[in-house]
Protein backbone atom coordinates (compact mmCIF):
# COMPACT_ATOMS: atom_id res chain seq x y z
CA MET A 1 150.10 316.06 124.24
CA LEU A 2 150.42 319.22 122.29
CA ASP A 3 153.64 320.91 121.39
CA PHE A 4 154.45 324.40 122.56
CA GLN A 5 153.71 326.12 119.17
CA LYS A 6 150.34 324.37 118.82
CA LYS A 7 149.35 325.62 122.24
CA VAL A 8 150.31 329.17 121.59
CA GLU A 9 148.32 328.94 118.28
CA ILE A 10 145.17 327.86 120.11
CA LEU A 11 145.68 330.45 122.90
CA ARG A 12 146.08 333.28 120.36
CA ARG A 13 142.46 332.61 119.12
CA TYR A 14 141.23 333.34 122.56
CA GLU A 15 143.58 336.13 123.70
CA SER A 16 141.28 339.01 122.69
CA LEU A 17 138.18 337.29 124.29
CA CYS A 18 140.10 336.79 127.47
CA TYR A 19 141.09 340.43 127.76
CA THR A 20 137.52 341.60 126.87
CA ILE A 21 136.03 339.45 129.68
CA CYS A 22 138.68 340.59 132.12
CA VAL A 23 138.31 344.46 131.31
CA SER A 24 134.60 344.10 131.32
CA LEU A 25 134.41 342.62 134.77
CA LEU A 26 137.39 344.88 136.34
CA HIS A 27 136.82 348.18 134.56
CA ASP A 28 140.55 348.73 134.98
CA GLU A 29 142.80 348.19 131.92
CA ALA A 30 145.95 347.49 134.00
CA GLU A 31 144.37 344.90 136.20
CA ALA A 32 142.50 343.44 133.28
CA CYS A 33 145.92 342.88 131.60
CA LYS A 34 147.26 341.15 134.63
CA ALA A 35 144.15 339.01 134.92
CA ALA A 36 144.04 338.04 131.30
CA GLU A 37 147.79 337.11 131.38
CA GLN A 38 147.21 334.93 134.37
CA ALA A 39 144.24 333.34 132.86
CA LEU A 40 146.16 332.62 129.56
CA LEU A 41 149.12 331.06 131.54
CA LEU A 42 146.59 328.91 133.43
CA LEU A 43 144.92 327.80 130.10
CA PHE A 44 148.28 327.12 128.55
CA ALA A 45 148.77 324.41 131.17
CA ASP A 46 145.33 323.13 131.34
CA GLN A 47 144.88 320.06 129.45
CA ALA A 48 140.98 319.95 129.78
CA PHE A 49 141.04 323.31 128.07
CA LEU A 50 143.25 322.16 125.26
CA GLN A 51 141.14 319.03 124.68
CA GLU A 52 137.89 320.99 124.82
CA THR A 53 136.05 321.31 121.52
CA ASP A 54 136.14 324.31 119.51
CA GLU A 55 132.50 325.11 120.55
CA GLY A 56 133.29 324.49 124.22
CA LYS A 57 136.53 326.60 124.39
CA PRO A 58 134.82 330.12 124.63
CA ARG A 59 132.69 328.99 127.55
CA TYR A 60 135.82 327.50 129.24
CA VAL A 61 137.65 330.90 128.65
CA LEU A 62 134.66 332.86 130.17
CA ARG A 63 134.70 330.66 133.18
CA LEU A 64 138.28 330.97 133.95
CA CYS A 65 138.53 334.62 133.07
CA THR A 66 135.59 335.39 135.39
CA LYS A 67 137.15 333.40 138.21
CA GLU A 68 140.57 335.23 137.79
CA SER A 69 138.94 338.57 137.60
CA LEU A 70 136.92 338.08 140.54
CA ASN A 71 139.78 336.64 142.56
CA ARG A 72 141.99 339.72 141.66
CA LYS A 73 139.15 342.08 142.54
CA MET A 74 138.70 340.42 145.83
CA ARG A 75 142.49 340.57 146.54
CA ASN A 76 142.68 344.14 145.62
CA GLY A 77 139.68 344.96 147.72
CA LEU A 78 141.27 343.37 150.77
CA LYS A 79 144.45 345.24 150.04
CA GLN A 80 142.63 348.59 149.85
CA SER A 81 140.50 347.92 152.92
CA ALA A 82 143.72 346.91 154.72
CA SER A 83 145.33 350.24 154.07
CA PHE A 84 142.76 352.32 155.93
C-alpha cells in the first residue's frame, strides 16, 4: 500500500490530463473543475489505478474522467429540465 505522499505524487502527474479531458467534454470550466476534482479523489482511493502500469494510467484517467464528466452532465441536464 502506498503512503499519502506517494499517491499525491502519482496524481499530480495526471492532474492536467484529468482537467483537460473534463473541460473538453463539458465545455464549462467550473463544471470541469468539479468533475476533475471528483475524478482525482476517486483515483486517489482506487488501488487498481495506483497499481496500473505507467503506460496504462492515462487510459485509466481517460475512462474515469469521461465517466465522471458524463455523469455530471446528465445530473445537470436533469436539474435544468426539472426547473422548467
